[in-house]
Amino acid sequence: MKTDWNSGMEYGFLEIRKMMWILGTWPLQKNDLLCTFRWFIIFIIKSFTIIIMLVDSYQNCGNAKDSLDTFLITESALHGLINVISSRFYMKKIAINVNSAIDDWSSSLIKKNTNLIMARYARIGRVIVVFQSVIALIGFILYFPYVIIANKQQVVIIGNDTVILWNFVLPATCLFGRVSYSTYKLLLTMQFLQGFIIFISECAIDSFFFALTMHLCGQLELLRIRFTELEKKINEKNHYRNNLRSWIKRHYELIALAKNIEDSFNITLLIRILIITLTIAISGMRGLVSIKHQNYTDVAKSMMFIHYCIVQSFLFTHAGDALQNQSESIVSAIYNTTWHELPYSAVKDLILIMMRTKVPLQLTAGKFFYITRRTTTDILRTAVTYISFLQVTLEK
């Protein structure tokens, strides 16, 4: 495990490393027994949380609004569980990317302009990490106290009996609604812990994916700048060939790093995009129904879910779009150089490079479709279609 982090790595990955340390998914600790134990505990807690909510939903002792709350929270817990599993499964591949980033920031040959470009991409990653975490934290802080303050108990009719059940922050009223007050407080404390783990697992892996992809985009931009300086090496034939050889090697390394990200996150991206689309549709429909019944608290909760999902969709699509654009820019950089003044053997080398770079580096959702900014509009368009369908169905 590399520990020689400098200020650049601290700036781009410090918060992410802390969150992933809690989950036991930080890739540089894959052989740490304590890390494995933390991951196992988190896995058990999240699995237990999902099982409780599914069983509680199956018993169906609440109303439609409770079912929507159950779905939205189950979605977050399921996504967090998928994040925890996938990040642990692909630890070895992702560790290669993290070590590469450490080497990039620790290089003794790093120049001032190089540092500025890397810092710019690190800043983008950090802003998104902080913004996503703040949005999720606000939702966490507002949702949990609201459930407690609004109503500690609720009266429901089960069969022919009218009973009073405790109200929980995570859907579990059907299972634990008739427990004693002391047991209720213990379960409530446990649910706060479960909610905190959901919050961490929602933010950590997605933010890590974005920061890692942004760093790779920065390295591609640096490579593009090197190719634009090609004409300065024309008169230094041997030196030029040495530089070209090192640039080709670097391009090959970046392709391998991009493949690691694609292999590690493509299934997660597919599941997440499907869930985001469904969540926006259901939250939007819930908001419309709440407006009709003048329940503005539920309207605010629905808007909070929609806002968070849109932020997450931007996180994925911007990363995929930026990676594609930076890889394609290398072709233009080579073509715009004075390649026609180079020796014939060098021109052949450049043609091979351009042929390879014409196939851009792209991220996919489960190998089904590419992730670009257009994906965001596709998500919103599909969600609006679902909302229209659900609205017509309810009116009938």
Protein backbone atom coordinates (compact mmCIF):
# COMPACT_ATOMS: atom_id res chain seq x y z
CA MET A 1 0.00 0.00 0.00
CA LYS A 2 1.36 3.40 -1.00
CA THR A 3 1.27 6.05 1.69
CA ASP A 4 3.29 8.87 0.11
CA TRP A 5 0.31 11.13 -0.56
CA ASN A 6 1.02 14.76 -1.27
CA SER A 7 -1.31 17.75 -1.12
CA GLY A 8 -2.77 16.96 -4.55
CA MET A 9 -3.98 13.50 -3.58
CA GLU A 10 -5.22 14.79 -0.24
CA TYR A 11 -7.19 17.51 -2.01
CA GLY A 12 -8.83 15.18 -4.51
CA PHE A 13 -9.40 12.00 -2.49
CA LEU A 14 -9.23 12.76 1.26
CA GLU A 15 -12.99 12.80 1.97
CA ILE A 16 -13.58 9.85 -0.34
CA ARG A 17 -10.88 7.81 1.37
CA LYS A 18 -12.42 8.49 4.79
CA MET A 19 -15.89 7.38 3.66
CA MET A 20 -14.56 4.29 1.91
CA TRP A 21 -12.46 3.45 4.97
CA ILE A 22 -15.68 3.29 6.99
CA LEU A 23 -17.22 0.93 4.43
CA GLY A 24 -14.07 -1.21 4.21
CA THR A 25 -13.82 -0.63 0.45
CA TRP A 26 -10.72 1.56 0.13
CA PRO A 27 -8.80 -0.30 -2.61
CA LEU A 28 -5.34 0.13 -1.09
CA GLN A 29 -6.45 -1.83 1.99
CA LYS A 30 -7.63 -4.95 0.18
CA ASN A 31 -5.35 -7.20 2.27
CA ASP A 32 -6.17 -5.57 5.61
CA LEU A 33 -8.10 -7.94 7.90
CA LEU A 34 -9.67 -5.06 9.82
CA CYS A 35 -10.85 -3.55 6.54
CA THR A 36 -12.38 -6.88 5.51
CA PHE A 37 -14.12 -7.17 8.88
CA ARG A 38 -15.61 -3.66 8.51
CA TRP A 39 -16.84 -4.52 5.02
CA PHE A 40 -18.45 -7.74 6.29
CA ILE A 41 -20.27 -5.87 9.09
CA ILE A 42 -21.49 -3.21 6.64
CA PHE A 43 -22.65 -5.94 4.25
CA ILE A 44 -24.63 -7.67 7.02
CA ILE A 45 -26.22 -4.42 8.22
CA LYS A 46 -27.25 -3.32 4.73
CA SER A 47 -28.61 -6.76 3.82
CA PHE A 48 -30.54 -6.85 7.08
CA THR A 49 -31.93 -3.37 6.37
CA ILE A 50 -33.21 -4.35 2.91
CA ILE A 51 -34.74 -7.60 4.18
CA ILE A 52 -36.61 -5.78 6.97
CA MET A 53 -38.03 -3.19 4.57
CA LEU A 54 -39.08 -5.80 2.01
CA VAL A 55 -40.78 -7.95 4.65
CA ASP A 56 -42.47 -4.90 6.14
CA SER A 57 -43.66 -3.85 2.69
CA TYR A 58 -44.99 -7.37 2.03
CA GLN A 59 -47.11 -7.30 5.20
CA ASN A 60 -48.61 -4.00 3.95
CA CYS A 61 -50.11 -2.51 7.13
CA GLY A 62 -49.62 1.10 6.00
CA ASN A 63 -51.01 3.33 3.29
CA ALA A 64 -49.88 4.19 -0.24
CA LYS A 65 -47.70 7.04 1.01
CA ASP A 66 -45.85 4.64 3.32
CA SER A 67 -45.32 2.27 0.38
CA LEU A 68 -43.69 5.05 -1.63
CA ASP A 69 -41.41 5.92 1.29
CA THR A 70 -40.52 2.24 1.57
CA PHE A 71 -39.67 2.03 -2.13
CA LEU A 72 -37.50 5.16 -2.14
CA ILE A 73 -35.54 4.14 0.95
CA THR A 74 -35.20 0.53 -0.26
CA GLU A 75 -33.84 1.89 -3.54
CA SER A 76 -31.16 3.87 -1.70
CA ALA A 77 -30.25 0.89 0.49
CA LEU A 78 -30.10 -1.46 -2.52
CA HIS A 79 -27.90 0.91 -4.48
CA GLY A 80 -25.59 1.26 -1.47
CA LEU A 81 -25.37 -2.52 -1.14
CA ILE A 82 -24.52 -2.89 -4.84
CA ASN A 83 -21.83 -0.22 -4.43
CA VAL A 84 -20.31 -1.99 -1.45
CA ILE A 85 -20.27 -5.38 -3.21
CA SER A 86 -18.94 -4.18 -6.57
CA SER A 87 -16.23 -1.97 -5.06
CA ARG A 88 -14.96 -4.88 -2.98
CA PHE A 89 -15.09 -7.28 -5.93
CA TYR A 90 -13.06 -4.95 -8.19
CA MET A 91 -10.64 -3.72 -5.52
CA LYS A 92 -7.57 -5.04 -7.35
CA LYS A 93 -8.32 -3.22 -10.60
CA ILE A 94 -9.25 0.04 -8.94
CA ALA A 95 -6.12 -0.11 -6.77
CA ILE A 96 -4.07 0.13 -10.00
CA ASN A 97 -5.80 3.42 -10.84
CA VAL A 98 -5.32 4.83 -7.34
CA ASN A 99 -1.63 3.92 -7.33
CA SER A 100 -1.28 5.52 -10.76
CA ALA A 101 -2.86 8.73 -9.43
CA ILE A 102 -0.45 8.71 -6.49
CA ASP A 103 2.48 8.31 -8.90
CA ASP A 104 1.17 11.18 -11.03
CA TRP A 105 0.98 13.54 -8.08
CA SER A 106 4.26 12.34 -6.56
CA SER A 107 6.33 12.54 -9.74
CA SER A 108 9.50 14.58 -9.30
CA LEU A 109 9.21 15.68 -12.94
CA ILE A 110 5.85 17.38 -12.46
CA LYS A 111 5.83 20.92 -13.86
CA LYS A 112 3.89 23.95 -12.75
CA ASN A 113 1.48 23.94 -15.72
CA THR A 114 1.02 20.19 -15.33
CA ASN A 115 0.18 20.64 -11.66
CA LEU A 116 -2.37 23.35 -12.53
CA ILE A 117 -4.20 21.08 -14.99
CA MET A 118 -4.27 18.18 -12.53
CA ALA A 119 -5.44 20.51 -9.77
CA ARG A 120 -8.27 21.80 -11.99
CA TYR A 121 -9.66 18.32 -12.51
CA ALA A 122 -9.15 17.48 -8.84
CA ARG A 123 -11.13 20.61 -7.99
CA ILE A 124 -14.02 19.50 -10.21
CA GLY A 125 -14.06 16.13 -8.48
CA ARG A 126 -13.92 17.71 -5.05
CA VAL A 127 -16.77 20.14 -5.78
CA ILE A 128 -19.02 17.30 -6.92
CA VAL A 129 -18.08 15.18 -3.90
CA VAL A 130 -18.86 18.00 -1.47
CA PHE A 131 -22.06 19.02 -3.28
CA GLN A 132 -23.43 15.48 -3.45
CA SER A 133 -22.54 14.82 0.18
CA VAL A 134 -24.20 18.06 1.32
CA ILE A 135 -27.40 17.27 -0.62
CA ALA A 136 -27.54 13.75 0.83
CA LEU A 137 -26.72 15.00 4.33
CA ILE A 138 -29.47 17.62 4.19
CA GLY A 139 -31.92 14.90 3.19
CA PHE A 140 -30.65 12.67 5.99
CA ILE A 141 -30.95 15.43 8.60
CA LEU A 142 -34.41 16.59 7.48
CA TYR A 143 -36.01 13.20 6.91
CA PHE A 144 -35.17 11.41 10.14
CA PRO A 145 -36.28 14.08 12.64
CA TYR A 146 -39.41 14.74 10.58
CA VAL A 147 -40.65 11.18 11.02
CA ILE A 148 -40.05 11.29 14.77
CA ILE A 149 -41.49 14.74 15.38
CA ALA A 150 -44.47 14.26 13.08
CA ASN A 151 -45.80 11.20 14.85
CA LYS A 152 -44.32 8.71 17.29
CA GLN A 153 -47.35 6.42 16.98
CA GLN A 154 -49.95 5.84 14.32
CA VAL A 155 -53.39 4.27 14.48
CA VAL A 156 -54.05 1.59 11.86
CA ILE A 157 -56.72 -1.01 11.23
CA ILE A 158 -55.49 -4.60 10.89
CA GLY A 159 -58.35 -6.95 10.12
CA ASN A 160 -61.19 -5.98 12.45
CA ASP A 161 -58.89 -4.55 15.12
CA THR A 162 -57.71 -0.97 15.59
CA VAL A 163 -54.19 -0.92 16.97
CA ILE A 164 -51.59 1.73 17.77
CA LEU A 165 -48.19 1.15 16.14
CA TRP A 166 -44.86 2.90 16.60
CA ASN A 167 -43.67 4.96 13.68
CA PHE A 168 -40.06 4.30 12.55
CA VAL A 169 -37.69 6.39 10.46
CA LEU A 170 -37.03 3.36 8.24
CA PRO A 171 -40.15 1.36 7.29
CA ALA A 172 -40.53 -1.32 9.98
CA THR A 173 -43.89 -0.52 11.56
CA CYS A 174 -45.53 -3.80 10.56
CA LEU A 175 -42.71 -5.86 12.09
CA PHE A 176 -41.87 -3.88 15.22
CA GLY A 177 -44.88 -1.60 15.67
CA ARG A 178 -46.13 -3.23 18.89
CA VAL A 179 -42.86 -3.41 20.82
CA SER A 180 -42.33 -1.72 24.17
CA TYR A 181 -41.10 1.86 24.38
CA SER A 182 -37.61 0.84 25.56
CA THR A 183 -37.30 -1.61 22.65
CA TYR A 184 -38.59 1.10 20.32
CA LYS A 185 -35.80 3.46 21.40
CA LEU A 186 -33.20 0.74 20.85
CA LEU A 187 -34.55 -0.02 17.37
CA LEU A 188 -34.69 3.69 16.57
CA THR A 189 -31.01 4.07 17.49
CA MET A 190 -30.15 1.12 15.28
CA GLN A 191 -32.08 2.69 12.42
CA PHE A 192 -30.09 5.91 12.73
CA LEU A 193 -26.96 3.80 12.28
CA GLN A 194 -28.53 2.07 9.27
CA GLY A 195 -29.47 5.43 7.78
CA PHE A 196 -25.95 6.75 8.26
CA ILE A 197 -24.50 3.70 6.48
CA ILE A 198 -26.96 4.22 3.60
CA PHE A 199 -25.85 7.85 3.39
CA ILE A 200 -22.14 6.92 3.31
CA SER A 201 -22.50 4.11 0.80
CA GLU A 202 -24.65 6.29 -1.49
CA CYS A 203 -22.04 9.06 -1.61
CA ALA A 204 -18.68 7.32 -1.28
CA ILE A 205 -18.50 4.99 -4.29
CA ASP A 206 -20.22 7.35 -6.73
CA SER A 207 -17.91 10.21 -5.70
CA PHE A 208 -14.90 7.90 -5.96
CA PHE A 209 -15.90 6.92 -9.50
CA PHE A 210 -16.23 10.57 -10.51
CA ALA A 211 -12.94 11.70 -8.92
CA LEU A 212 -11.06 8.78 -10.47
CA THR A 213 -12.49 9.48 -13.93
CA MET A 214 -11.73 13.20 -13.65
CA HIS A 215 -8.11 12.45 -12.81
CA LEU A 216 -7.89 10.23 -15.89
CA CYS A 217 -9.36 13.06 -18.00
CA GLY A 218 -6.63 15.34 -16.67
CA GLN A 219 -3.95 12.87 -17.72
CA LEU A 220 -5.47 12.64 -21.21
CA GLU A 221 -5.41 16.42 -21.51
CA LEU A 222 -1.73 16.45 -20.51
CA LEU A 223 -1.02 13.85 -23.19
CA ARG A 224 -2.87 15.97 -25.75
CA ILE A 225 -0.72 18.98 -24.84
CA ARG A 226 2.41 16.87 -25.38
CA PHE A 227 1.27 15.96 -28.88
CA THR A 228 0.62 19.63 -29.69
CA GLU A 229 4.30 20.28 -28.89
CA LEU A 230 5.34 17.73 -31.49
CA GLU A 231 6.62 20.32 -33.96
CA LYS A 232 9.17 21.54 -31.42
CA LYS A 233 10.86 18.12 -31.58
CA ILE A 234 11.08 17.91 -35.37
CA ASN A 235 14.66 19.06 -35.63
CA GLU A 236 15.74 16.71 -32.85
CA LYS A 237 15.17 13.42 -34.61
CA ASN A 238 16.44 11.01 -31.98
CA HIS A 239 15.02 13.04 -29.15
CA TYR A 240 11.74 13.23 -31.00
CA ARG A 241 11.56 9.46 -31.43
CA ASN A 242 12.30 8.93 -27.75
CA ASN A 243 9.50 11.34 -26.79
CA LEU A 244 7.06 9.75 -29.20
CA ARG A 245 7.87 6.31 -27.80
CA SER A 246 7.20 7.48 -24.24
CA TRP A 247 3.94 9.20 -25.27
CA ILE A 248 2.68 6.06 -26.98
CA LYS A 249 3.50 4.06 -23.87
CA ARG A 250 1.66 6.61 -21.74
CA HIS A 251 -1.37 6.47 -24.02
CA TYR A 252 -1.43 2.69 -23.67
CA GLU A 253 -1.33 3.05 -19.88
CA LEU A 254 -4.25 5.48 -19.91
CA ILE A 255 -6.28 3.12 -22.09
CA ALA A 256 -5.67 0.35 -19.54
CA LEU A 257 -6.74 2.66 -16.69
CA ALA A 258 -9.93 3.59 -18.55
CA LYS A 259 -10.68 -0.11 -19.08
CA ASN A 260 -10.29 -0.70 -15.34
CA ILE A 261 -12.91 1.98 -14.62
CA GLU A 262 -15.23 0.61 -17.31
CA ASP A 263 -14.93 -2.99 -16.04
CA SER A 264 -15.40 -1.99 -12.41
CA PHE A 265 -18.39 0.33 -12.75
CA ASN A 266 -20.37 -0.56 -15.90
CA ILE A 267 -22.85 -2.88 -14.13
CA THR A 268 -23.24 -0.40 -11.26
CA LEU A 269 -23.90 2.40 -13.76
CA LEU A 270 -26.58 0.38 -15.54
CA ILE A 271 -28.42 -0.48 -12.33
CA ARG A 272 -28.08 3.05 -11.03
CA ILE A 273 -29.43 4.68 -14.19
CA LEU A 274 -32.43 2.34 -14.22
CA ILE A 275 -33.13 3.06 -10.55
CA ILE A 276 -32.67 6.83 -11.01
CA THR A 277 -35.19 6.85 -13.89
CA LEU A 278 -37.76 4.91 -11.85
CA THR A 279 -37.16 7.02 -8.74
CA ILE A 280 -37.64 10.31 -10.60
CA ALA A 281 -40.85 8.98 -12.15
CA ILE A 282 -42.33 7.77 -8.85
CA SER A 283 -41.20 10.86 -6.93
CA GLY A 284 -42.64 13.11 -9.65
CA MET A 285 -45.96 11.29 -9.54
CA ARG A 286 -45.98 11.46 -5.77
CA GLY A 287 -45.33 15.20 -5.94
CA LEU A 288 -48.26 15.76 -8.32
CA VAL A 289 -50.62 13.75 -6.09
CA SER A 290 -49.35 15.61 -3.00
CA ILE A 291 -49.97 18.97 -4.67
CA LYS A 292 -53.51 17.87 -5.48
CA HIS A 293 -54.10 17.01 -1.80
CA GLN A 294 -52.18 20.11 -0.61
CA ASN A 295 -49.64 17.98 1.26
CA TYR A 296 -46.65 20.26 0.77
CA THR A 297 -44.40 18.28 3.11
CA ASP A 298 -44.54 15.29 0.76
CA VAL A 299 -44.02 17.65 -2.17
CA ALA A 300 -40.78 18.86 -0.57
CA LYS A 301 -39.65 15.28 0.09
CA SER A 302 -40.37 14.29 -3.52
CA MET A 303 -38.47 17.28 -4.87
CA MET A 304 -35.53 16.41 -2.62
CA PHE A 305 -35.37 12.87 -4.07
CA ILE A 306 -35.67 14.20 -7.64
CA HIS A 307 -32.95 16.78 -7.07
CA TYR A 308 -30.55 14.23 -5.63
CA CYS A 309 -31.20 11.80 -8.51
CA ILE A 310 -30.54 14.50 -11.10
CA VAL A 311 -27.25 15.37 -9.37
CA GLN A 312 -26.24 11.71 -9.50
CA SER A 313 -27.18 11.36 -13.16
CA PHE A 314 -25.05 14.43 -13.93
CA LEU A 315 -22.19 12.87 -11.99
CA PHE A 316 -22.18 9.76 -14.20
CA THR A 317 -22.93 11.41 -17.53
CA HIS A 318 -20.47 14.28 -17.16
CA ALA A 319 -17.67 11.87 -16.29
CA GLY A 320 -18.41 9.67 -19.31
CA ASP A 321 -18.73 12.65 -21.65
CA ALA A 322 -15.52 14.29 -20.41
CA LEU A 323 -13.56 11.04 -20.83
CA GLN A 324 -14.81 10.62 -24.39
CA ASN A 325 -14.06 14.23 -25.37
CA GLN A 326 -10.53 14.19 -23.94
CA SER A 327 -9.66 10.92 -25.70
CA GLU A 328 -11.01 12.23 -29.02
CA SER A 329 -9.06 15.48 -28.66
CA ILE A 330 -5.78 13.58 -29.05
CA VAL A 331 -6.66 12.83 -32.70
CA SER A 332 -7.18 16.53 -33.42
CA ALA A 333 -3.98 17.44 -31.59
CA ILE A 334 -1.92 15.05 -33.76
CA TYR A 335 -3.61 16.12 -36.99
CA ASN A 336 -3.07 19.83 -36.28
CA THR A 337 0.68 19.37 -35.89
CA THR A 338 3.11 19.71 -38.80
CA TRP A 339 3.14 15.95 -39.31
CA HIS A 340 3.78 16.40 -43.05
CA GLU A 341 7.28 17.72 -42.23
CA LEU A 342 8.24 14.61 -40.26
CA PRO A 343 10.18 11.62 -41.58
CA TYR A 344 8.08 8.98 -43.31
CA SER A 345 8.68 6.43 -40.55
CA ALA A 346 7.42 8.91 -37.94
CA VAL A 347 4.32 9.67 -40.01
CA LYS A 348 3.47 5.95 -40.06
CA ASP A 349 3.74 5.91 -36.27
CA LEU A 350 1.38 8.86 -36.01
CA ILE A 351 -1.12 7.23 -38.38
CA LEU A 352 -1.25 4.17 -36.14
CA ILE A 353 -1.78 6.38 -33.09
CA MET A 354 -4.60 8.26 -34.83
CA MET A 355 -6.24 5.00 -35.88
CA ARG A 356 -6.28 3.88 -32.26
CA THR A 357 -7.48 7.20 -30.86
CA LYS A 358 -10.33 7.33 -33.40
CA VAL A 359 -11.95 4.73 -31.14
CA PRO A 360 -12.62 6.99 -28.12
CA LEU A 361 -12.47 5.88 -24.52
CA GLN A 362 -16.08 5.54 -23.40
CA LEU A 363 -17.95 4.37 -20.34
CA THR A 364 -20.97 2.15 -20.78
CA ALA A 365 -23.97 1.13 -18.72
CA GLY A 366 -23.65 -2.65 -18.59
CA LYS A 367 -22.19 -2.69 -22.11
CA PHE A 368 -25.64 -1.71 -23.46
CA PHE A 369 -25.19 1.99 -24.21
CA TYR A 370 -22.60 4.71 -23.79
CA ILE A 371 -22.75 7.20 -20.94
CA THR A 372 -22.73 10.78 -22.26
CA ARG A 373 -24.50 14.02 -21.40
CA ARG A 374 -27.31 12.98 -23.70
CA THR A 375 -28.02 10.17 -21.24
CA THR A 376 -29.30 12.77 -18.73
CA THR A 377 -31.94 14.00 -21.15
CA ASP A 378 -32.84 10.39 -21.98
CA ILE A 379 -33.35 9.69 -18.26
CA LEU A 380 -35.59 12.74 -17.80
CA ARG A 381 -37.54 12.00 -20.99
CA THR A 382 -38.19 8.42 -19.91
CA ALA A 383 -39.13 9.52 -16.38
CA VAL A 384 -41.66 12.05 -17.73
CA THR A 385 -43.15 9.31 -19.93
CA TYR A 386 -43.56 7.09 -16.87
CA ILE A 387 -45.17 9.95 -14.94
CA SER A 388 -47.68 10.53 -17.73
CA PHE A 389 -48.49 6.82 -17.86
CA LEU A 390 -48.96 6.59 -14.07
CA GLN A 391 -51.11 9.72 -14.02
CA VAL A 392 -53.42 8.37 -16.72
CA THR A 393 -53.60 5.02 -14.91
CA LEU A 394 -54.56 6.66 -11.59
CA GLU A 395 -57.20 8.84 -13.24
CA LYS A 396 -58.86 5.74 -14.66
